[in-house]
Amino acid sequence: MEAYRRLKLETILNVRDLGGWPMEDGGTTKYGVFLRSAIPEELSEKDRQTLRDYDLSLAVDLRGSFEIKGRPDPFARESWLEYKNIPMFDEAAAGGQNNYPSAFEKGFFWGDQYIVMAESHKDWMKTVLDTLAGARGAALFHCTTGKDRTGIVTAVLLGLCGVAREDIVADYCVSQCYLLPIYVKYLLPDRHIAAGTSLDAPFFSTAPANMETLLDHFDKQYGGINGFVAACGVSAETVNRLKARLGGTERK
């Protein structure tokens, strides 16, 4: 199997392997273990074969039922892998019926929102990590664009393996480049999500400060990502399994 930092697929954008990042105790994270992505529009036969060759065995959908109703996940229809829905938000929240500020309004800051998301959904984080730790082959996880909920999970996985802070931030930032084709569609008049706005809206940003703010919070409140994961109720066994899978070695 060839290893890619970014998989150039036809029907899914922002598909990236978590492999290839240097770890603090030597070595690099392993390719072919975890993939992050935006939601697939559909799966072409070529993309389907690429992912099967990648030994993809699990797709984890982080969206709520409201989002899934509007855009069903094609992975759920595939018989060659396991599909699991682990929503961060309930149906009302996903539909915008909540008190969260709008990411299309001036003054919105993703860093503050990521802290709220992480602190308010610790049970969700535990379920996601437990599920990913138990995957047989490669596991892919996604939300809608693959930058926010997906970005938080990615930061935690890389942090557990001792990937440097600046590399975690760098991995987060690149989504804004790869998502441009989706963003342009969002601005079309017939799209409700961002009609009448521009690409300068905070929603589209994956600026370094967004992720740096979340990592600062983990450091201040928990002594780092390991402490946050422990506060989520994730067992040492699960953490060790994740580190063994992505990092390649078990930590005693």
C-alpha atoms as a PDB file:
ATOM      1  CA  MET A   1       0.000   0.000   0.000  1.00  0.00           C
ATOM      2  CA  GLU A   2       1.309   3.439  -0.919  1.00  0.00           C
ATOM      3  CA  ALA A   3       1.176   6.042   1.836  1.00  0.00           C
ATOM      4  CA  TYR A   4      -0.256   9.501   1.234  1.00  0.00           C
ATOM      5  CA  ARG A   5      -0.556  12.539   3.477  1.00  0.00           C
ATOM      6  CA  ARG A   6      -3.526  13.618   1.344  1.00  0.00           C
ATOM      7  CA  LEU A   7      -5.591  11.158  -0.661  1.00  0.00           C
ATOM      8  CA  LYS A   8      -6.636  12.775  -3.917  1.00  0.00           C
ATOM      9  CA  LEU A   9     -10.062  11.259  -4.372  1.00  0.00           C
ATOM     10  CA  GLU A  10     -12.801  12.158  -6.850  1.00  0.00           C
ATOM     11  CA  THR A  11     -15.802  12.277  -4.551  1.00  0.00           C
ATOM     12  CA  ILE A  12     -14.425  13.229  -1.119  1.00  0.00           C
ATOM     13  CA  LEU A  13     -12.475  16.384  -0.263  1.00  0.00           C
ATOM     14  CA  ASN A  14     -10.028  17.062   2.547  1.00  0.00           C
ATOM     15  CA  VAL A  15      -9.110  13.382   2.953  1.00  0.00           C
ATOM     16  CA  ARG A  16      -5.876  13.155   4.926  1.00  0.00           C
ATOM     17  CA  ASP A  17      -3.912  10.409   6.605  1.00  0.00           C
ATOM     18  CA  LEU A  18      -2.686  11.070  10.144  1.00  0.00           C
ATOM     19  CA  GLY A  19       0.564   9.302   9.353  1.00  0.00           C
ATOM     20  CA  GLY A  20       3.963  10.859   8.808  1.00  0.00           C
ATOM     21  CA  TRP A  21       4.119  13.275  11.761  1.00  0.00           C
ATOM     22  CA  PRO A  22       7.288  13.218  13.945  1.00  0.00           C
ATOM     23  CA  MET A  23       6.745  12.104  17.551  1.00  0.00           C
ATOM     24  CA  GLU A  24       8.593  13.482  20.558  1.00  0.00           C
ATOM     25  CA  ASP A  25      10.122  10.114  21.487  1.00  0.00           C
ATOM     26  CA  GLY A  26      11.330   9.328  17.959  1.00  0.00           C
ATOM     27  CA  GLY A  27       9.739   7.841  14.861  1.00  0.00           C
ATOM     28  CA  THR A  28       6.664   9.084  13.062  1.00  0.00           C
ATOM     29  CA  THR A  29       2.971   8.348  13.232  1.00  0.00           C
ATOM     30  CA  LYS A  30       1.926   5.409  11.070  1.00  0.00           C
ATOM     31  CA  TYR A  31       0.156   5.694   7.749  1.00  0.00           C
ATOM     32  CA  GLY A  32      -2.920   3.631   6.997  1.00  0.00           C
ATOM     33  CA  VAL A  33      -4.397   3.829  10.501  1.00  0.00           C
ATOM     34  CA  PHE A  34      -6.613   6.934  10.703  1.00  0.00           C
ATOM     35  CA  LEU A  35      -8.061   9.104   7.943  1.00  0.00           C
ATOM     36  CA  ARG A  36      -9.904  12.396   8.385  1.00  0.00           C
ATOM     37  CA  SER A  37     -12.201  13.850   5.737  1.00  0.00           C
ATOM     38  CA  ALA A  38     -15.192  15.919   4.761  1.00  0.00           C
ATOM     39  CA  ILE A  39     -18.475  14.149   4.082  1.00  0.00           C
ATOM     40  CA  PRO A  40     -18.501  12.206   0.805  1.00  0.00           C
ATOM     41  CA  GLU A  41     -20.965  13.464  -1.754  1.00  0.00           C
ATOM     42  CA  GLU A  42     -20.965  10.021  -3.280  1.00  0.00           C
ATOM     43  CA  LEU A  43     -18.410   7.266  -3.751  1.00  0.00           C
ATOM     44  CA  SER A  44     -17.125   6.710  -7.256  1.00  0.00           C
ATOM     45  CA  GLU A  45     -15.982   3.219  -8.130  1.00  0.00           C
ATOM     46  CA  LYS A  46     -12.407   4.469  -8.343  1.00  0.00           C
ATOM     47  CA  ASP A  47     -12.557   6.028  -4.860  1.00  0.00           C
ATOM     48  CA  ARG A  48     -14.265   2.951  -3.483  1.00  0.00           C
ATOM     49  CA  GLN A  49     -11.428   0.764  -4.748  1.00  0.00           C
ATOM     50  CA  THR A  50      -8.775   3.174  -3.461  1.00  0.00           C
ATOM     51  CA  LEU A  51     -10.248   3.048   0.027  1.00  0.00           C
ATOM     52  CA  ARG A  52     -10.603  -0.724  -0.072  1.00  0.00           C
ATOM     53  CA  ASP A  53      -6.959  -0.965  -1.104  1.00  0.00           C
ATOM     54  CA  TYR A  54      -6.201   1.292   1.867  1.00  0.00           C
ATOM     55  CA  ASP A  55      -7.772  -1.382   4.078  1.00  0.00           C
ATOM     56  CA  LEU A  56     -10.515   0.955   5.247  1.00  0.00           C
ATOM     57  CA  SER A  57     -12.733  -1.023   7.609  1.00  0.00           C
ATOM     58  CA  LEU A  58     -14.615   1.644   9.585  1.00  0.00           C
ATOM     59  CA  ALA A  59     -16.272   4.986   8.772  1.00  0.00           C
ATOM     60  CA  VAL A  60     -17.320   7.154  11.733  1.00  0.00           C
ATOM     61  CA  ASP A  61     -19.847   9.902  11.013  1.00  0.00           C
ATOM     62  CA  LEU A  62     -19.652  12.654  13.645  1.00  0.00           C
ATOM     63  CA  ARG A  63     -22.767  14.504  12.437  1.00  0.00           C
ATOM     64  CA  GLY A  64     -26.179  14.713  14.053  1.00  0.00           C
ATOM     65  CA  SER A  65     -29.402  13.235  12.709  1.00  0.00           C
ATOM     66  CA  PHE A  66     -30.572  16.570  11.285  1.00  0.00           C
ATOM     67  CA  GLU A  67     -27.420  16.787   9.166  1.00  0.00           C
ATOM     68  CA  ILE A  68     -27.605  13.158   8.090  1.00  0.00           C
ATOM     69  CA  LYS A  69     -31.224  13.541   7.018  1.00  0.00           C
ATOM     70  CA  GLY A  70     -30.232  16.359   4.694  1.00  0.00           C
ATOM     71  CA  ARG A  71     -27.078  14.668   3.399  1.00  0.00           C
ATOM     72  CA  PRO A  72     -27.029  10.897   3.958  1.00  0.00           C
ATOM     73  CA  ASP A  73     -23.610   9.314   4.274  1.00  0.00           C
ATOM     74  CA  PRO A  74     -22.779   7.027   1.332  1.00  0.00           C
ATOM     75  CA  PHE A  75     -20.518   4.987   3.614  1.00  0.00           C
ATOM     76  CA  ALA A  76     -23.675   3.776   5.362  1.00  0.00           C
ATOM     77  CA  ARG A  77     -24.682   1.964   2.162  1.00  0.00           C
ATOM     78  CA  GLU A  78     -21.385   0.138   1.683  1.00  0.00           C
ATOM     79  CA  SER A  79     -21.295  -3.526   2.707  1.00  0.00           C
ATOM     80  CA  TRP A  80     -17.496  -3.848   2.778  1.00  0.00           C
ATOM     81  CA  LEU A  81     -16.967  -1.621   5.817  1.00  0.00           C
ATOM     82  CA  GLU A  82     -18.604  -0.819   9.135  1.00  0.00           C
ATOM     83  CA  TYR A  83     -20.437   2.488   9.495  1.00  0.00           C
ATOM     84  CA  LYS A  84     -21.037   4.133  12.855  1.00  0.00           C
ATOM     85  CA  ASN A  85     -22.779   7.400  13.652  1.00  0.00           C
ATOM     86  CA  ILE A  86     -21.412   9.114  16.780  1.00  0.00           C
ATOM     87  CA  PRO A  87     -22.995  12.589  16.800  1.00  0.00           C
ATOM     88  CA  MET A  88     -21.544  15.430  18.823  1.00  0.00           C
ATOM     89  CA  PHE A  89     -24.736  17.470  18.565  1.00  0.00           C
ATOM     90  CA  ASP A  90     -28.290  16.300  19.028  1.00  0.00           C
ATOM     91  CA  GLU A  91     -30.878  16.918  16.319  1.00  0.00           C
ATOM     92  CA  ALA A  92     -31.984  20.320  17.606  1.00  0.00           C
ATOM     93  CA  ALA A  93     -28.430  21.627  17.926  1.00  0.00           C
ATOM     94  CA  ALA A  94     -27.419  20.381  14.492  1.00  0.00           C
ATOM     95  CA  GLY A  95     -30.408  22.151  13.020  1.00  0.00           C
ATOM     96  CA  GLY A  96     -29.359  25.481  14.477  1.00  0.00           C
ATOM     97  CA  GLN A  97     -31.909  25.447  17.321  1.00  0.00           C
ATOM     98  CA  ASN A  98     -29.398  26.277  20.024  1.00  0.00           C
ATOM     99  CA  ASN A  99     -27.645  29.130  21.746  1.00  0.00           C
ATOM    100  CA  TYR A 100     -24.356  28.757  19.894  1.00  0.00           C
ATOM    101  CA  PRO A 101     -23.243  31.951  18.113  1.00  0.00           C
ATOM    102  CA  SER A 102     -23.340  31.955  14.338  1.00  0.00           C
ATOM    103  CA  ALA A 103     -19.999  31.236  12.683  1.00  0.00           C
ATOM    104  CA  PHE A 104     -21.014  33.557   9.853  1.00  0.00           C
ATOM    105  CA  GLU A 105     -21.220  36.600  12.116  1.00  0.00           C
ATOM    106  CA  LYS A 106     -18.386  39.048  12.642  1.00  0.00           C
ATOM    107  CA  GLY A 107     -16.650  38.474  15.948  1.00  0.00           C
ATOM    108  CA  PHE A 108     -17.155  34.713  16.019  1.00  0.00           C
ATOM    109  CA  PHE A 109     -13.980  32.878  17.029  1.00  0.00           C
ATOM    110  CA  TRP A 110     -13.569  29.148  16.473  1.00  0.00           C
ATOM    111  CA  GLY A 111     -11.011  28.820  19.267  1.00  0.00           C
ATOM    112  CA  ASP A 112     -13.565  29.757  21.918  1.00  0.00           C
ATOM    113  CA  GLN A 113     -16.159  27.548  20.273  1.00  0.00           C
ATOM    114  CA  TYR A 114     -13.803  24.563  20.222  1.00  0.00           C
ATOM    115  CA  ILE A 115     -13.354  24.893  23.981  1.00  0.00           C
ATOM    116  CA  VAL A 116     -17.136  24.861  24.438  1.00  0.00           C
ATOM    117  CA  MET A 117     -17.449  21.848  22.157  1.00  0.00           C
ATOM    118  CA  ALA A 118     -14.702  19.896  23.911  1.00  0.00           C
ATOM    119  CA  GLU A 119     -15.919  20.687  27.421  1.00  0.00           C
ATOM    120  CA  SER A 120     -19.579  20.021  26.649  1.00  0.00           C
ATOM    121  CA  HIS A 121     -19.080  16.673  24.929  1.00  0.00           C
ATOM    122  CA  LYS A 122     -16.613  14.626  26.939  1.00  0.00           C
ATOM    123  CA  ASP A 123     -18.794  11.519  26.746  1.00  0.00           C
ATOM    124  CA  TRP A 124     -18.808  11.940  22.969  1.00  0.00           C
ATOM    125  CA  MET A 125     -15.017  12.137  22.882  1.00  0.00           C
ATOM    126  CA  LYS A 126     -14.774   8.957  24.963  1.00  0.00           C
ATOM    127  CA  THR A 127     -17.096   7.088  22.608  1.00  0.00           C
ATOM    128  CA  VAL A 128     -15.194   8.274  19.533  1.00  0.00           C
ATOM    129  CA  LEU A 129     -11.801   7.267  20.938  1.00  0.00           C
ATOM    130  CA  ASP A 130     -13.078   3.899  22.168  1.00  0.00           C
ATOM    131  CA  THR A 131     -14.508   3.222  18.712  1.00  0.00           C
ATOM    132  CA  LEU A 132     -11.373   4.230  16.822  1.00  0.00           C
ATOM    133  CA  ALA A 133      -9.193   2.182  19.153  1.00  0.00           C
ATOM    134  CA  GLY A 134     -11.204  -0.927  18.332  1.00  0.00           C
ATOM    135  CA  ALA A 135     -11.066  -0.624  14.540  1.00  0.00           C
ATOM    136  CA  ARG A 136      -9.747  -3.700  12.713  1.00  0.00           C
ATOM    137  CA  GLY A 137      -8.094  -1.894   9.812  1.00  0.00           C
ATOM    138  CA  ALA A 138      -7.929   1.753   8.797  1.00  0.00           C
ATOM    139  CA  ALA A 139     -10.642   4.016  10.221  1.00  0.00           C
ATOM    140  CA  LEU A 140     -11.995   7.205   8.651  1.00  0.00           C
ATOM    141  CA  PHE A 141     -13.864   9.840  10.641  1.00  0.00           C
ATOM    142  CA  HIS A 142     -15.649  12.906   9.307  1.00  0.00           C
ATOM    143  CA  CYS A 143     -18.176  15.600  10.094  1.00  0.00           C
ATOM    144  CA  THR A 144     -19.469  17.894   7.331  1.00  0.00           C
ATOM    145  CA  THR A 145     -16.403  19.815   6.200  1.00  0.00           C
ATOM    146  CA  GLY A 146     -13.911  17.774   8.185  1.00  0.00           C
ATOM    147  CA  LYS A 147     -12.362  20.719  10.002  1.00  0.00           C
ATOM    148  CA  ASP A 148     -14.109  21.375  13.341  1.00  0.00           C
ATOM    149  CA  ARG A 149     -15.428  18.250  15.073  1.00  0.00           C
ATOM    150  CA  THR A 150     -13.010  16.256  12.935  1.00  0.00           C
ATOM    151  CA  GLY A 151     -10.234  18.703  13.783  1.00  0.00           C
ATOM    152  CA  ILE A 152     -10.731  18.327  17.517  1.00  0.00           C
ATOM    153  CA  VAL A 153     -10.570  14.530  17.308  1.00  0.00           C
ATOM    154  CA  THR A 154      -7.469  14.730  15.120  1.00  0.00           C
ATOM    155  CA  ALA A 155      -5.694  17.065  17.530  1.00  0.00           C
ATOM    156  CA  VAL A 156      -6.381  14.657  20.386  1.00  0.00           C
ATOM    157  CA  LEU A 157      -5.132  11.614  18.458  1.00  0.00           C
ATOM    158  CA  LEU A 158      -1.936  13.337  17.353  1.00  0.00           C
ATOM    159  CA  GLY A 159      -1.366  14.801  20.808  1.00  0.00           C
ATOM    160  CA  LEU A 160      -1.671  11.396  22.458  1.00  0.00           C
ATOM    161  CA  CYS A 161       1.189  10.192  20.260  1.00  0.00           C
ATOM    162  CA  GLY A 162       3.417  13.092  21.202  1.00  0.00           C
ATOM    163  CA  VAL A 163       3.176  14.991  17.928  1.00  0.00           C
ATOM    164  CA  ALA A 164       4.497  18.527  18.385  1.00  0.00           C
ATOM    165  CA  ARG A 165       2.054  21.341  18.971  1.00  0.00           C
ATOM    166  CA  GLU A 166       3.114  23.203  15.835  1.00  0.00           C
ATOM    167  CA  ASP A 167       2.487  20.096  13.719  1.00  0.00           C
ATOM    168  CA  ILE A 168      -0.973  19.621  15.218  1.00  0.00           C
ATOM    169  CA  VAL A 169      -1.747  23.239  14.348  1.00  0.00           C
ATOM    170  CA  ALA A 170      -0.273  22.862  10.860  1.00  0.00           C
ATOM    171  CA  ASP A 171      -2.416  19.804  10.157  1.00  0.00           C
ATOM    172  CA  TYR A 172      -5.498  21.735  11.249  1.00  0.00           C
ATOM    173  CA  CYS A 173      -4.727  24.829   9.162  1.00  0.00           C
ATOM    174  CA  VAL A 174      -4.487  23.139   5.779  1.00  0.00           C
ATOM    175  CA  SER A 175      -8.214  22.307   5.686  1.00  0.00           C
ATOM    176  CA  GLN A 176      -9.019  25.830   4.540  1.00  0.00           C
ATOM    177  CA  CYS A 177      -7.047  25.210   1.333  1.00  0.00           C
ATOM    178  CA  TYR A 178      -8.519  21.823   0.535  1.00  0.00           C
ATOM    179  CA  LEU A 179     -12.094  22.879   1.286  1.00  0.00           C
ATOM    180  CA  LEU A 180     -12.221  25.825  -1.113  1.00  0.00           C
ATOM    181  CA  PRO A 181     -14.294  23.933  -3.748  1.00  0.00           C
ATOM    182  CA  ILE A 182     -16.936  23.210  -1.093  1.00  0.00           C
ATOM    183  CA  TYR A 183     -16.869  26.772   0.212  1.00  0.00           C
ATOM    184  CA  VAL A 184     -17.453  28.210  -3.252  1.00  0.00           C
ATOM    185  CA  LYS A 185     -20.569  26.032  -3.560  1.00  0.00           C
ATOM    186  CA  TYR A 186     -21.790  27.228  -0.161  1.00  0.00           C
ATOM    187  CA  LEU A 187     -21.818  30.797  -1.467  1.00  0.00           C
ATOM    188  CA  LEU A 188     -24.157  30.021  -4.361  1.00  0.00           C
ATOM    189  CA  PRO A 189     -27.580  31.746  -4.143  1.00  0.00           C
ATOM    190  CA  ASP A 190     -29.458  28.434  -3.909  1.00  0.00           C
ATOM    191  CA  ARG A 191     -27.463  27.296  -0.883  1.00  0.00           C
ATOM    192  CA  HIS A 192     -28.911  28.268   2.492  1.00  0.00           C
ATOM    193  CA  ILE A 193     -25.798  27.666   4.565  1.00  0.00           C
ATOM    194  CA  ALA A 194     -23.841  30.752   3.523  1.00  0.00           C
ATOM    195  CA  ALA A 195     -25.879  32.641   0.942  1.00  0.00           C
ATOM    196  CA  GLY A 196     -25.104  36.344   1.005  1.00  0.00           C
ATOM    197  CA  THR A 197     -21.823  36.051   2.870  1.00  0.00           C
ATOM    198  CA  SER A 198     -18.201  35.871   1.718  1.00  0.00           C
ATOM    199  CA  LEU A 199     -15.159  33.679   2.184  1.00  0.00           C
ATOM    200  CA  ASP A 200     -13.977  36.148   4.830  1.00  0.00           C
ATOM    201  CA  ALA A 201     -16.655  34.875   7.237  1.00  0.00           C
ATOM    202  CA  PRO A 202     -15.212  33.155  10.344  1.00  0.00           C
ATOM    203  CA  PHE A 203     -16.978  29.904   9.418  1.00  0.00           C
ATOM    204  CA  PHE A 204     -14.467  29.215   6.649  1.00  0.00           C
ATOM    205  CA  SER A 205     -11.354  29.854   8.727  1.00  0.00           C
ATOM    206  CA  THR A 206      -8.858  27.308   9.957  1.00  0.00           C
ATOM    207  CA  ALA A 207      -6.461  29.960  11.230  1.00  0.00           C
ATOM    208  CA  PRO A 208      -3.657  28.829  13.596  1.00  0.00           C
ATOM    209  CA  ALA A 209      -5.145  30.774  16.520  1.00  0.00           C
ATOM    210  CA  ASN A 210      -8.264  28.577  16.432  1.00  0.00           C
ATOM    211  CA  MET A 211      -6.409  25.391  17.308  1.00  0.00           C
ATOM    212  CA  GLU A 212      -3.771  27.113  19.439  1.00  0.00           C
ATOM    213  CA  THR A 213      -6.530  28.414  21.701  1.00  0.00           C
ATOM    214  CA  LEU A 214      -7.915  24.920  22.234  1.00  0.00           C
ATOM    215  CA  LEU A 215      -4.459  23.470  22.930  1.00  0.00           C
ATOM    216  CA  ASP A 216      -3.750  26.306  25.382  1.00  0.00           C
ATOM    217  CA  HIS A 217      -6.961  25.375  27.181  1.00  0.00           C
ATOM    218  CA  PHE A 218      -5.965  21.715  27.405  1.00  0.00           C
ATOM    219  CA  ASP A 219      -2.568  22.711  28.809  1.00  0.00           C
ATOM    220  CA  LYS A 220      -3.985  25.134  31.356  1.00  0.00           C
ATOM    221  CA  GLN A 221      -6.908  23.062  32.572  1.00  0.00           C
ATOM    222  CA  TYR A 222      -5.598  19.498  32.241  1.00  0.00           C
ATOM    223  CA  GLY A 223      -1.852  19.679  31.842  1.00  0.00           C
ATOM    224  CA  GLY A 224      -2.177  18.703  28.192  1.00  0.00           C
ATOM    225  CA  ILE A 225      -4.153  16.422  25.900  1.00  0.00           C
ATOM    226  CA  ASN A 226      -3.490  13.308  27.980  1.00  0.00           C
ATOM    227  CA  GLY A 227      -5.098  14.994  30.968  1.00  0.00           C
ATOM    228  CA  PHE A 228      -8.118  16.059  28.942  1.00  0.00           C
ATOM    229  CA  VAL A 229      -8.601  12.526  27.629  1.00  0.00           C
ATOM    230  CA  ALA A 230      -8.437  11.168  31.174  1.00  0.00           C
ATOM    231  CA  ALA A 231     -11.075  13.722  32.224  1.00  0.00           C
ATOM    232  CA  CYS A 232     -13.284  12.368  29.422  1.00  0.00           C
ATOM    233  CA  GLY A 233     -13.222   8.984  31.139  1.00  0.00           C
ATOM    234  CA  VAL A 234     -11.105   7.267  28.491  1.00  0.00           C
ATOM    235  CA  SER A 235      -9.365   4.227  29.981  1.00  0.00           C
ATOM    236  CA  ALA A 236      -5.614   3.758  30.036  1.00  0.00           C
ATOM    237  CA  GLU A 237      -6.176   0.632  27.934  1.00  0.00           C
ATOM    238  CA  THR A 238      -7.874   2.624  25.177  1.00  0.00           C
ATOM    239  CA  VAL A 239      -5.189   5.310  25.246  1.00  0.00           C
ATOM    240  CA  ASN A 240      -2.480   2.673  25.061  1.00  0.00           C
ATOM    241  CA  ARG A 241      -4.217   0.995  22.136  1.00  0.00           C
ATOM    242  CA  LEU A 242      -4.521   4.273  20.234  1.00  0.00           C
ATOM    243  CA  LYS A 243      -0.863   5.060  20.812  1.00  0.00           C
ATOM    244  CA  ALA A 244       0.119   1.560  19.741  1.00  0.00           C
ATOM    245  CA  ARG A 245      -1.960   1.797  16.570  1.00  0.00           C
ATOM    246  CA  LEU A 246      -0.995   5.298  15.429  1.00  0.00           C
ATOM    247  CA  GLY A 247       2.388   5.650  17.107  1.00  0.00           C
ATOM    248  CA  GLY A 248       3.528   2.077  16.643  1.00  0.00           C
ATOM    249  CA  THR A 249       4.646   1.412  20.210  1.00  0.00           C
ATOM    250  CA  GLU A 250       2.898   0.820  23.507  1.00  0.00           C
ATOM    251  CA  ARG A 251       3.530   3.187  26.399  1.00  0.00           C
ATOM    252  CA  LYS A 252       3.759   1.580  29.803  1.00  0.00           C
END
